[in-house]
Amino acid sequence: LTNGIPSHDTFGRVFALLDAKQFEAC
């Protein structure tokens, strides 16, 4: 956590962009 905790915008943006099929495969 060198750069601390991500902002809520970062969480929202990353999960909006994450490939849903890949995440399901994980």
mmCIF file of all heavy atoms, coordinates in Angstrom:
data_MODEL
# 
_entry.id   MODEL 
# 
loop_
_atom_site.group_PDB 
_atom_site.id 
_atom_site.type_symbol 
_atom_site.label_atom_id 
_atom_site.label_alt_id 
_atom_site.label_comp_id 
_atom_site.label_asym_id 
_atom_site.label_entity_id 
_atom_site.label_seq_id 
_atom_site.pdbx_PDB_ins_code 
_atom_site.Cartn_x 
_atom_site.Cartn_y 
_atom_site.Cartn_z 
_atom_site.occupancy 
_atom_site.B_iso_or_equiv 
_atom_site.pdbx_formal_charge 
_atom_site.auth_seq_id 
_atom_site.auth_comp_id 
_atom_site.auth_asym_id 
_atom_site.auth_atom_id 
_atom_site.pdbx_PDB_model_num 
ATOM 1   N N   . LEU A 1 1  ? 0.821   -1.208  0.000   1.00 0.00 ? 1  LEU A N   1 
ATOM 2   C CA  . LEU A 1 1  ? 0.000   0.000   0.000   1.00 0.00 ? 1  LEU A CA  1 
ATOM 3   C C   . LEU A 1 1  ? 0.857   1.261   0.000   1.00 0.00 ? 1  LEU A C   1 
ATOM 4   O O   . LEU A 1 1  ? 0.512   2.272   0.615   1.00 0.00 ? 1  LEU A O   1 
ATOM 5   C CB  . LEU A 1 1  ? -0.929  -0.006  1.219   1.00 0.00 ? 1  LEU A CB  1 
ATOM 6   C CG  . LEU A 1 1  ? -1.944  -1.157  1.279   1.00 0.00 ? 1  LEU A CG  1 
ATOM 7   C CD1 . LEU A 1 1  ? -2.797  -1.062  2.543   1.00 0.00 ? 1  LEU A CD1 1 
ATOM 8   C CD2 . LEU A 1 1  ? -2.836  -1.169  0.048   1.00 0.00 ? 1  LEU A CD2 1 
ATOM 9   N N   . THR A 1 2  ? 1.959   1.202   -0.729  1.00 0.00 ? 2  THR A N   1 
ATOM 10  C CA  . THR A 1 2  ? 2.858   2.350   -0.816  1.00 0.00 ? 2  THR A CA  1 
ATOM 11  C C   . THR A 1 2  ? 2.118   3.610   -1.236  1.00 0.00 ? 2  THR A C   1 
ATOM 12  O O   . THR A 1 2  ? 2.386   4.710   -0.725  1.00 0.00 ? 2  THR A O   1 
ATOM 13  C CB  . THR A 1 2  ? 3.991   2.061   -1.826  1.00 0.00 ? 2  THR A CB  1 
ATOM 14  O OG1 . THR A 1 2  ? 4.691   0.887   -1.415  1.00 0.00 ? 2  THR A OG1 1 
ATOM 15  C CG2 . THR A 1 2  ? 4.956   3.234   -1.902  1.00 0.00 ? 2  THR A CG2 1 
ATOM 16  N N   . ASN A 1 3  ? 1.186   3.451   -2.157  1.00 0.00 ? 3  ASN A N   1 
ATOM 17  C CA  . ASN A 1 3  ? 0.417   4.600   -2.646  1.00 0.00 ? 3  ASN A CA  1 
ATOM 18  C C   . ASN A 1 3  ? -0.950  4.715   -1.984  1.00 0.00 ? 3  ASN A C   1 
ATOM 19  O O   . ASN A 1 3  ? -1.848  5.388   -2.495  1.00 0.00 ? 3  ASN A O   1 
ATOM 20  C CB  . ASN A 1 3  ? 0.251   4.515   -4.165  1.00 0.00 ? 3  ASN A CB  1 
ATOM 21  C CG  . ASN A 1 3  ? 1.567   4.732   -4.891  1.00 0.00 ? 3  ASN A CG  1 
ATOM 22  O OD1 . ASN A 1 3  ? 2.378   5.564   -4.483  1.00 0.00 ? 3  ASN A OD1 1 
ATOM 23  N ND2 . ASN A 1 3  ? 1.798   3.970   -5.953  1.00 0.00 ? 3  ASN A ND2 1 
ATOM 24  N N   . GLY A 1 4  ? -1.105  4.061   -0.854  1.00 0.00 ? 4  GLY A N   1 
ATOM 25  C CA  . GLY A 1 4  ? -2.329  4.193   -0.089  1.00 0.00 ? 4  GLY A CA  1 
ATOM 26  C C   . GLY A 1 4  ? -3.489  3.382   -0.647  1.00 0.00 ? 4  GLY A C   1 
ATOM 27  O O   . GLY A 1 4  ? -3.313  2.441   -1.424  1.00 0.00 ? 4  GLY A O   1 
ATOM 28  N N   . ILE A 1 5  ? -4.689  3.787   -0.257  1.00 0.00 ? 5  ILE A N   1 
ATOM 29  C CA  . ILE A 1 5  ? -5.922  3.114   -0.664  1.00 0.00 ? 5  ILE A CA  1 
ATOM 30  C C   . ILE A 1 5  ? -6.467  3.791   -1.918  1.00 0.00 ? 5  ILE A C   1 
ATOM 31  O O   . ILE A 1 5  ? -6.546  5.022   -1.981  1.00 0.00 ? 5  ILE A O   1 
ATOM 32  C CB  . ILE A 1 5  ? -6.972  3.172   0.460   1.00 0.00 ? 5  ILE A CB  1 
ATOM 33  C CG1 . ILE A 1 5  ? -6.449  2.479   1.721   1.00 0.00 ? 5  ILE A CG1 1 
ATOM 34  C CG2 . ILE A 1 5  ? -8.284  2.528   0.000   1.00 0.00 ? 5  ILE A CG2 1 
ATOM 35  C CD1 . ILE A 1 5  ? -6.161  1.001   1.570   1.00 0.00 ? 5  ILE A CD1 1 
ATOM 36  N N   . PRO A 1 6  ? -6.849  3.021   -2.939  1.00 0.00 ? 6  PRO A N   1 
ATOM 37  C CA  . PRO A 1 6  ? -7.429  3.630   -4.147  1.00 0.00 ? 6  PRO A CA  1 
ATOM 38  C C   . PRO A 1 6  ? -8.703  4.408   -3.814  1.00 0.00 ? 6  PRO A C   1 
ATOM 39  O O   . PRO A 1 6  ? -9.410  4.101   -2.847  1.00 0.00 ? 6  PRO A O   1 
ATOM 40  C CB  . PRO A 1 6  ? -7.743  2.419   -5.042  1.00 0.00 ? 6  PRO A CB  1 
ATOM 41  C CG  . PRO A 1 6  ? -6.864  1.326   -4.534  1.00 0.00 ? 6  PRO A CG  1 
ATOM 42  C CD  . PRO A 1 6  ? -6.720  1.557   -3.065  1.00 0.00 ? 6  PRO A CD  1 
ATOM 43  N N   . SER A 1 7  ? -8.986  5.415   -4.625  1.00 0.00 ? 7  SER A N   1 
ATOM 44  C CA  . SER A 1 7  ? -10.210 6.192   -4.440  1.00 0.00 ? 7  SER A CA  1 
ATOM 45  C C   . SER A 1 7  ? -11.416 5.398   -4.940  1.00 0.00 ? 7  SER A C   1 
ATOM 46  O O   . SER A 1 7  ? -11.280 4.421   -5.682  1.00 0.00 ? 7  SER A O   1 
ATOM 47  C CB  . SER A 1 7  ? -10.123 7.506   -5.212  1.00 0.00 ? 7  SER A CB  1 
ATOM 48  O OG  . SER A 1 7  ? -10.164 7.255   -6.614  1.00 0.00 ? 7  SER A OG  1 
ATOM 49  N N   . HIS A 1 8  ? -12.611 5.845   -4.547  1.00 0.00 ? 8  HIS A N   1 
ATOM 50  C CA  . HIS A 1 8  ? -13.804 5.168   -5.032  1.00 0.00 ? 8  HIS A CA  1 
ATOM 51  C C   . HIS A 1 8  ? -13.926 5.275   -6.549  1.00 0.00 ? 8  HIS A C   1 
ATOM 52  O O   . HIS A 1 8  ? -14.438 4.356   -7.204  1.00 0.00 ? 8  HIS A O   1 
ATOM 53  C CB  . HIS A 1 8  ? -15.054 5.739   -4.347  1.00 0.00 ? 8  HIS A CB  1 
ATOM 54  C CG  . HIS A 1 8  ? -15.331 7.168   -4.648  1.00 0.00 ? 8  HIS A CG  1 
ATOM 55  N ND1 . HIS A 1 8  ? -14.781 8.202   -3.924  1.00 0.00 ? 8  HIS A ND1 1 
ATOM 56  C CD2 . HIS A 1 8  ? -16.096 7.754   -5.600  1.00 0.00 ? 8  HIS A CD2 1 
ATOM 57  C CE1 . HIS A 1 8  ? -15.211 9.350   -4.402  1.00 0.00 ? 8  HIS A CE1 1 
ATOM 58  N NE2 . HIS A 1 8  ? -15.998 9.112   -5.429  1.00 0.00 ? 8  HIS A NE2 1 
ATOM 59  N N   . ASP A 1 9  ? -13.440 6.381   -7.124  1.00 0.00 ? 9  ASP A N   1 
ATOM 60  C CA  . ASP A 1 9  ? -13.456 6.514   -8.587  1.00 0.00 ? 9  ASP A CA  1 
ATOM 61  C C   . ASP A 1 9  ? -12.566 5.465   -9.235  1.00 0.00 ? 9  ASP A C   1 
ATOM 62  O O   . ASP A 1 9  ? -12.902 4.919   -10.292 1.00 0.00 ? 9  ASP A O   1 
ATOM 63  C CB  . ASP A 1 9  ? -12.992 7.917   -8.998  1.00 0.00 ? 9  ASP A CB  1 
ATOM 64  C CG  . ASP A 1 9  ? -14.043 8.982   -8.745  1.00 0.00 ? 9  ASP A CG  1 
ATOM 65  O OD1 . ASP A 1 9  ? -15.243 8.627   -8.711  1.00 0.00 ? 9  ASP A OD1 1 
ATOM 66  O OD2 . ASP A 1 9  ? -13.670 10.151  -8.569  1.00 0.00 ? 9  ASP A OD2 1 
ATOM 67  N N   . THR A 1 10 ? -11.425 5.176   -8.610  1.00 0.00 ? 10 THR A N   1 
ATOM 68  C CA  . THR A 1 10 ? -10.517 4.159   -9.155  1.00 0.00 ? 10 THR A CA  1 
ATOM 69  C C   . THR A 1 10 ? -11.166 2.780   -9.100  1.00 0.00 ? 10 THR A C   1 
ATOM 70  O O   . THR A 1 10 ? -11.133 2.026   -10.078 1.00 0.00 ? 10 THR A O   1 
ATOM 71  C CB  . THR A 1 10 ? -9.189  4.148   -8.382  1.00 0.00 ? 10 THR A CB  1 
ATOM 72  O OG1 . THR A 1 10 ? -8.541  5.410   -8.541  1.00 0.00 ? 10 THR A OG1 1 
ATOM 73  C CG2 . THR A 1 10 ? -8.270  3.041   -8.892  1.00 0.00 ? 10 THR A CG2 1 
ATOM 74  N N   . PHE A 1 11 ? -11.765 2.443   -7.959  1.00 0.00 ? 11 PHE A N   1 
ATOM 75  C CA  . PHE A 1 11 ? -12.458 1.155   -7.866  1.00 0.00 ? 11 PHE A CA  1 
ATOM 76  C C   . PHE A 1 11 ? -13.536 1.054   -8.945  1.00 0.00 ? 11 PHE A C   1 
ATOM 77  O O   . PHE A 1 11 ? -13.632 0.047   -9.661  1.00 0.00 ? 11 PHE A O   1 
ATOM 78  C CB  . PHE A 1 11 ? -13.092 0.988   -6.480  1.00 0.00 ? 11 PHE A CB  1 
ATOM 79  C CG  . PHE A 1 11 ? -12.145 0.586   -5.399  1.00 0.00 ? 11 PHE A CG  1 
ATOM 80  C CD1 . PHE A 1 11 ? -11.794 1.488   -4.402  1.00 0.00 ? 11 PHE A CD1 1 
ATOM 81  C CD2 . PHE A 1 11 ? -11.605 -0.688  -5.369  1.00 0.00 ? 11 PHE A CD2 1 
ATOM 82  C CE1 . PHE A 1 11 ? -10.913 1.120   -3.387  1.00 0.00 ? 11 PHE A CE1 1 
ATOM 83  C CE2 . PHE A 1 11 ? -10.720 -1.063  -4.367  1.00 0.00 ? 11 PHE A CE2 1 
ATOM 84  C CZ  . PHE A 1 11 ? -10.375 -0.152  -3.368  1.00 0.00 ? 11 PHE A CZ  1 
ATOM 85  N N   . GLY A 1 12 ? -14.358 2.082   -9.066  1.00 0.00 ? 12 GLY A N   1 
ATOM 86  C CA  . GLY A 1 12 ? -15.442 2.059   -10.042 1.00 0.00 ? 12 GLY A CA  1 
ATOM 87  C C   . GLY A 1 12 ? -14.944 1.951   -11.468 1.00 0.00 ? 12 GLY A C   1 
ATOM 88  O O   . GLY A 1 12 ? -15.482 1.188   -12.278 1.00 0.00 ? 12 GLY A O   1 
ATOM 89  N N   . ARG A 1 13 ? -13.896 2.715   -11.789 1.00 0.00 ? 13 ARG A N   1 
ATOM 90  C CA  . ARG A 1 13 ? -13.367 2.720   -13.153 1.00 0.00 ? 13 ARG A CA  1 
ATOM 91  C C   . ARG A 1 13 ? -12.751 1.373   -13.514 1.00 0.00 ? 13 ARG A C   1 
ATOM 92  O O   . ARG A 1 13 ? -12.985 0.840   -14.607 1.00 0.00 ? 13 ARG A O   1 
ATOM 93  C CB  . ARG A 1 13 ? -12.330 3.839   -13.298 1.00 0.00 ? 13 ARG A CB  1 
ATOM 94  C CG  . ARG A 1 13 ? -11.763 3.989   -14.707 1.00 0.00 ? 13 ARG A CG  1 
ATOM 95  C CD  . ARG A 1 13 ? -10.891 5.225   -14.831 1.00 0.00 ? 13 ARG A CD  1 
ATOM 96  N NE  . ARG A 1 13 ? -9.742  5.199   -13.924 1.00 0.00 ? 13 ARG A NE  1 
ATOM 97  C CZ  . ARG A 1 13 ? -9.636  5.923   -12.818 1.00 0.00 ? 13 ARG A CZ  1 
ATOM 98  N NH1 . ARG A 1 13 ? -10.639 6.727   -12.454 1.00 0.00 ? 13 ARG A NH1 1 
ATOM 99  N NH2 . ARG A 1 13 ? -8.572  5.845   -12.045 1.00 0.00 ? 13 ARG A NH2 1 
ATOM 100 N N   . VAL A 1 14 ? -11.972 0.799   -12.596 1.00 0.00 ? 14 VAL A N   1 
ATOM 101 C CA  . VAL A 1 14 ? -11.295 -0.471  -12.883 1.00 0.00 ? 14 VAL A CA  1 
ATOM 102 C C   . VAL A 1 14 ? -12.308 -1.591  -13.078 1.00 0.00 ? 14 VAL A C   1 
ATOM 103 O O   . VAL A 1 14 ? -12.234 -2.366  -14.039 1.00 0.00 ? 14 VAL A O   1 
ATOM 104 C CB  . VAL A 1 14 ? -10.294 -0.825  -11.763 1.00 0.00 ? 14 VAL A CB  1 
ATOM 105 C CG1 . VAL A 1 14 ? -9.777  -2.256  -11.940 1.00 0.00 ? 14 VAL A CG1 1 
ATOM 106 C CG2 . VAL A 1 14 ? -9.136  0.155   -11.778 1.00 0.00 ? 14 VAL A CG2 1 
ATOM 107 N N   . PHE A 1 15 ? -13.293 -1.686  -12.183 1.00 0.00 ? 15 PHE A N   1 
ATOM 108 C CA  . PHE A 1 15 ? -14.270 -2.771  -12.310 1.00 0.00 ? 15 PHE A CA  1 
ATOM 109 C C   . PHE A 1 15 ? -15.219 -2.558  -13.481 1.00 0.00 ? 15 PHE A C   1 
ATOM 110 O O   . PHE A 1 15 ? -15.776 -3.524  -14.009 1.00 0.00 ? 15 PHE A O   1 
ATOM 111 C CB  . PHE A 1 15 ? -15.042 -2.950  -11.000 1.00 0.00 ? 15 PHE A CB  1 
ATOM 112 C CG  . PHE A 1 15 ? -14.301 -3.764  -9.978  1.00 0.00 ? 15 PHE A CG  1 
ATOM 113 C CD1 . PHE A 1 15 ? -13.598 -3.137  -8.949  1.00 0.00 ? 15 PHE A CD1 1 
ATOM 114 C CD2 . PHE A 1 15 ? -14.266 -5.144  -10.062 1.00 0.00 ? 15 PHE A CD2 1 
ATOM 115 C CE1 . PHE A 1 15 ? -12.901 -3.883  -8.011  1.00 0.00 ? 15 PHE A CE1 1 
ATOM 116 C CE2 . PHE A 1 15 ? -13.564 -5.900  -9.131  1.00 0.00 ? 15 PHE A CE2 1 
ATOM 117 C CZ  . PHE A 1 15 ? -12.874 -5.267  -8.104  1.00 0.00 ? 15 PHE A CZ  1 
ATOM 118 N N   . ALA A 1 16 ? -15.395 -1.319  -13.918 1.00 0.00 ? 16 ALA A N   1 
ATOM 119 C CA  . ALA A 1 16 ? -16.196 -1.069  -15.121 1.00 0.00 ? 16 ALA A CA  1 
ATOM 120 C C   . ALA A 1 16 ? -15.450 -1.510  -16.375 1.00 0.00 ? 16 ALA A C   1 
ATOM 121 O O   . ALA A 1 16 ? -16.064 -1.910  -17.367 1.00 0.00 ? 16 ALA A O   1 
ATOM 122 C CB  . ALA A 1 16 ? -16.552 0.410   -15.218 1.00 0.00 ? 16 ALA A CB  1 
ATOM 123 N N   . LEU A 1 17 ? -14.110 -1.454  -16.327 1.00 0.00 ? 17 LEU A N   1 
ATOM 124 C CA  . LEU A 1 17 ? -13.292 -1.794  -17.490 1.00 0.00 ? 17 LEU A CA  1 
ATOM 125 C C   . LEU A 1 17 ? -12.836 -3.252  -17.497 1.00 0.00 ? 17 LEU A C   1 
ATOM 126 O O   . LEU A 1 17 ? -12.522 -3.798  -18.571 1.00 0.00 ? 17 LEU A O   1 
ATOM 127 C CB  . LEU A 1 17 ? -12.053 -0.888  -17.546 1.00 0.00 ? 17 LEU A CB  1 
ATOM 128 C CG  . LEU A 1 17 ? -12.307 0.594   -17.814 1.00 0.00 ? 17 LEU A CG  1 
ATOM 129 C CD1 . LEU A 1 17 ? -11.010 1.386   -17.650 1.00 0.00 ? 17 LEU A CD1 1 
ATOM 130 C CD2 . LEU A 1 17 ? -12.863 0.804   -19.211 1.00 0.00 ? 17 LEU A CD2 1 
ATOM 131 N N   . LEU A 1 18 ? -12.781 -3.888  -16.337 1.00 0.00 ? 18 LEU A N   1 
ATOM 132 C CA  . LEU A 1 18 ? -12.311 -5.279  -16.267 1.00 0.00 ? 18 LEU A CA  1 
ATOM 133 C C   . LEU A 1 18 ? -13.143 -6.177  -17.167 1.00 0.00 ? 18 LEU A C   1 
ATOM 134 O O   . LEU A 1 18 ? -14.378 -6.110  -17.166 1.00 0.00 ? 18 LEU A O   1 
ATOM 135 C CB  . LEU A 1 18 ? -12.404 -5.805  -14.840 1.00 0.00 ? 18 LEU A CB  1 
ATOM 136 C CG  . LEU A 1 18 ? -11.218 -5.621  -13.898 1.00 0.00 ? 18 LEU A CG  1 
ATOM 137 C CD1 . LEU A 1 18 ? -11.557 -6.219  -12.544 1.00 0.00 ? 18 LEU A CD1 1 
ATOM 138 C CD2 . LEU A 1 18 ? -9.959  -6.251  -14.447 1.00 0.00 ? 18 LEU A CD2 1 
ATOM 139 N N   . ASP A 1 19 ? -12.466 -7.034  -17.924 1.00 0.00 ? 19 ASP A N   1 
ATOM 140 C CA  . ASP A 1 19 ? -13.160 -7.989  -18.777 1.00 0.00 ? 19 ASP A CA  1 
ATOM 141 C C   . ASP A 1 19 ? -13.971 -8.944  -17.891 1.00 0.00 ? 19 ASP A C   1 
ATOM 142 O O   . ASP A 1 19 ? -13.417 -9.687  -17.079 1.00 0.00 ? 19 ASP A O   1 
ATOM 143 C CB  . ASP A 1 19 ? -12.146 -8.768  -19.612 1.00 0.00 ? 19 ASP A CB  1 
ATOM 144 C CG  . ASP A 1 19 ? -12.814 -9.695  -20.615 1.00 0.00 ? 19 ASP A CG  1 
ATOM 145 O OD1 . ASP A 1 19 ? -13.446 -10.668 -20.184 1.00 0.00 ? 19 ASP A OD1 1 
ATOM 146 O OD2 . ASP A 1 19 ? -12.694 -9.436  -21.827 1.00 0.00 ? 19 ASP A OD2 1 
ATOM 147 N N   . ALA A 1 20 ? -15.289 -8.905  -18.044 1.00 0.00 ? 20 ALA A N   1 
ATOM 148 C CA  . ALA A 1 20 ? -16.172 -9.685  -17.159 1.00 0.00 ? 20 ALA A CA  1 
ATOM 149 C C   . ALA A 1 20 ? -15.963 -11.185 -17.319 1.00 0.00 ? 20 ALA A C   1 
ATOM 150 O O   . ALA A 1 20 ? -16.039 -11.941 -16.345 1.00 0.00 ? 20 ALA A O   1 
ATOM 151 C CB  . ALA A 1 20 ? -17.630 -9.310  -17.426 1.00 0.00 ? 20 ALA A CB  1 
ATOM 152 N N   . LYS A 1 21 ? -15.719 -11.642 -18.538 1.00 0.00 ? 21 LYS A N   1 
ATOM 153 C CA  . LYS A 1 21 ? -15.504 -13.076 -18.757 1.00 0.00 ? 21 LYS A CA  1 
ATOM 154 C C   . LYS A 1 21 ? -14.202 -13.533 -18.111 1.00 0.00 ? 21 LYS A C   1 
ATOM 155 O O   . LYS A 1 21 ? -14.119 -14.636 -17.559 1.00 0.00 ? 21 LYS A O   1 
ATOM 156 C CB  . LYS A 1 21 ? -15.521 -13.388 -20.258 1.00 0.00 ? 21 LYS A CB  1 
ATOM 157 C CG  . LYS A 1 21 ? -16.901 -13.261 -20.900 1.00 0.00 ? 21 LYS A CG  1 
ATOM 158 C CD  . LYS A 1 21 ? -16.882 -13.744 -22.335 1.00 0.00 ? 21 LYS A CD  1 
ATOM 159 C CE  . LYS A 1 21 ? -18.248 -13.609 -22.981 1.00 0.00 ? 21 LYS A CE  1 
ATOM 160 N NZ  . LYS A 1 21 ? -19.245 -14.499 -22.340 1.00 0.00 ? 21 LYS A NZ  1 
ATOM 161 N N   . GLN A 1 22 ? -13.168 -12.688 -18.156 1.00 0.00 ? 22 GLN A N   1 
ATOM 162 C CA  . GLN A 1 22 ? -11.910 -13.040 -17.499 1.00 0.00 ? 22 GLN A CA  1 
ATOM 163 C C   . GLN A 1 22 ? -12.081 -13.093 -15.983 1.00 0.00 ? 22 GLN A C   1 
ATOM 164 O O   . GLN A 1 22 ? -11.553 -13.994 -15.317 1.00 0.00 ? 22 GLN A O   1 
ATOM 165 C CB  . GLN A 1 22 ? -10.820 -12.024 -17.857 1.00 0.00 ? 22 GLN A CB  1 
ATOM 166 C CG  . GLN A 1 22 ? -10.237 -12.176 -19.239 1.00 0.00 ? 22 GLN A CG  1 
ATOM 167 C CD  . GLN A 1 22 ? -8.996  -11.311 -19.423 1.00 0.00 ? 22 GLN A CD  1 
ATOM 168 O OE1 . GLN A 1 22 ? -8.505  -10.700 -18.483 1.00 0.00 ? 22 GLN A OE1 1 
ATOM 169 N NE2 . GLN A 1 22 ? -8.504  -11.253 -20.644 1.00 0.00 ? 22 GLN A NE2 1 
ATOM 170 N N   . PHE A 1 23 ? -12.812 -12.130 -15.445 1.00 0.00 ? 23 PHE A N   1 
ATOM 171 C CA  . PHE A 1 23 ? -13.027 -12.109 -14.003 1.00 0.00 ? 23 PHE A CA  1 
ATOM 172 C C   . PHE A 1 23 ? -13.826 -13.337 -13.571 1.00 0.00 ? 23 PHE A C   1 
ATOM 173 O O   . PHE A 1 23 ? -13.540 -13.954 -12.540 1.00 0.00 ? 23 PHE A O   1 
ATOM 174 C CB  . PHE A 1 23 ? -13.748 -10.817 -13.614 1.00 0.00 ? 23 PHE A CB  1 
ATOM 175 C CG  . PHE A 1 23 ? -13.679 -10.497 -12.142 1.00 0.00 ? 23 PHE A CG  1 
ATOM 176 C CD1 . PHE A 1 23 ? -12.495 -10.621 -11.432 1.00 0.00 ? 23 PHE A CD1 1 
ATOM 177 C CD2 . PHE A 1 23 ? -14.804 -10.052 -11.462 1.00 0.00 ? 23 PHE A CD2 1 
ATOM 178 C CE1 . PHE A 1 23 ? -12.429 -10.320 -10.074 1.00 0.00 ? 23 PHE A CE1 1 
ATOM 179 C CE2 . PHE A 1 23 ? -14.759 -9.747  -10.105 1.00 0.00 ? 23 PHE A CE2 1 
ATOM 180 C CZ  . PHE A 1 23 ? -13.560 -9.885  -9.411  1.00 0.00 ? 23 PHE A CZ  1 
ATOM 181 N N   . GLU A 1 24 ? -14.815 -13.704 -14.373 1.00 0.00 ? 24 GLU A N   1 
ATOM 182 C CA  . GLU A 1 24 ? -15.578 -14.916 -14.109 1.00 0.00 ? 24 GLU A CA  1 
ATOM 183 C C   . GLU A 1 24 ? -14.684 -16.151 -14.168 1.00 0.00 ? 24 GLU A C   1 
ATOM 184 O O   . GLU A 1 24 ? -14.806 -17.078 -13.346 1.00 0.00 ? 24 GLU A O   1 
ATOM 185 C CB  . GLU A 1 24 ? -16.718 -15.039 -15.114 1.00 0.00 ? 24 GLU A CB  1 
ATOM 186 C CG  . GLU A 1 24 ? -17.428 -16.372 -15.134 1.00 0.00 ? 24 GLU A CG  1 
ATOM 187 C CD  . GLU A 1 24 ? -18.183 -16.675 -13.865 1.00 0.00 ? 24 GLU A CD  1 
ATOM 188 O OE1 . GLU A 1 24 ? -18.474 -15.731 -13.109 1.00 0.00 ? 24 GLU A OE1 1 
ATOM 189 O OE2 . GLU A 1 24 ? -18.466 -17.861 -13.623 1.00 0.00 ? 24 GLU A OE2 1 
ATOM 190 N N   . ALA A 1 25 ? -13.745 -16.179 -15.141 1.00 0.00 ? 25 ALA A N   1 
ATOM 191 C CA  . ALA A 1 25 ? -12.828 -17.313 -15.278 1.00 0.00 ? 25 ALA A CA  1 
ATOM 192 C C   . ALA A 1 25 ? -11.939 -17.436 -14.030 1.00 0.00 ? 25 ALA A C   1 
ATOM 193 O O   . ALA A 1 25 ? -11.629 -18.550 -13.590 1.00 0.00 ? 25 ALA A O   1 
ATOM 194 C CB  . ALA A 1 25 ? -11.974 -17.162 -16.529 1.00 0.00 ? 25 ALA A CB  1 
ATOM 195 N N   . CYS A 1 26 ? -11.541 -16.305 -13.457 1.00 0.00 ? 26 CYS A N   1 
ATOM 196 C CA  . CYS A 1 26 ? -10.754 -16.333 -12.220 1.00 0.00 ? 26 CYS A CA  1 
ATOM 197 C C   . CYS A 1 26 ? -11.577 -16.919 -11.077 1.00 0.00 ? 26 CYS A C   1 
ATOM 198 O O   . CYS A 1 26 ? -11.063 -17.699 -10.262 1.00 0.00 ? 26 CYS A O   1 
ATOM 199 C CB  . CYS A 1 26 ? -10.294 -14.922 -11.868 1.00 0.00 ? 26 CYS A CB  1 
ATOM 200 S SG  . CYS A 1 26 ? -9.144  -14.191 -13.053 1.00 0.00 ? 26 CYS A SG  1 
# 
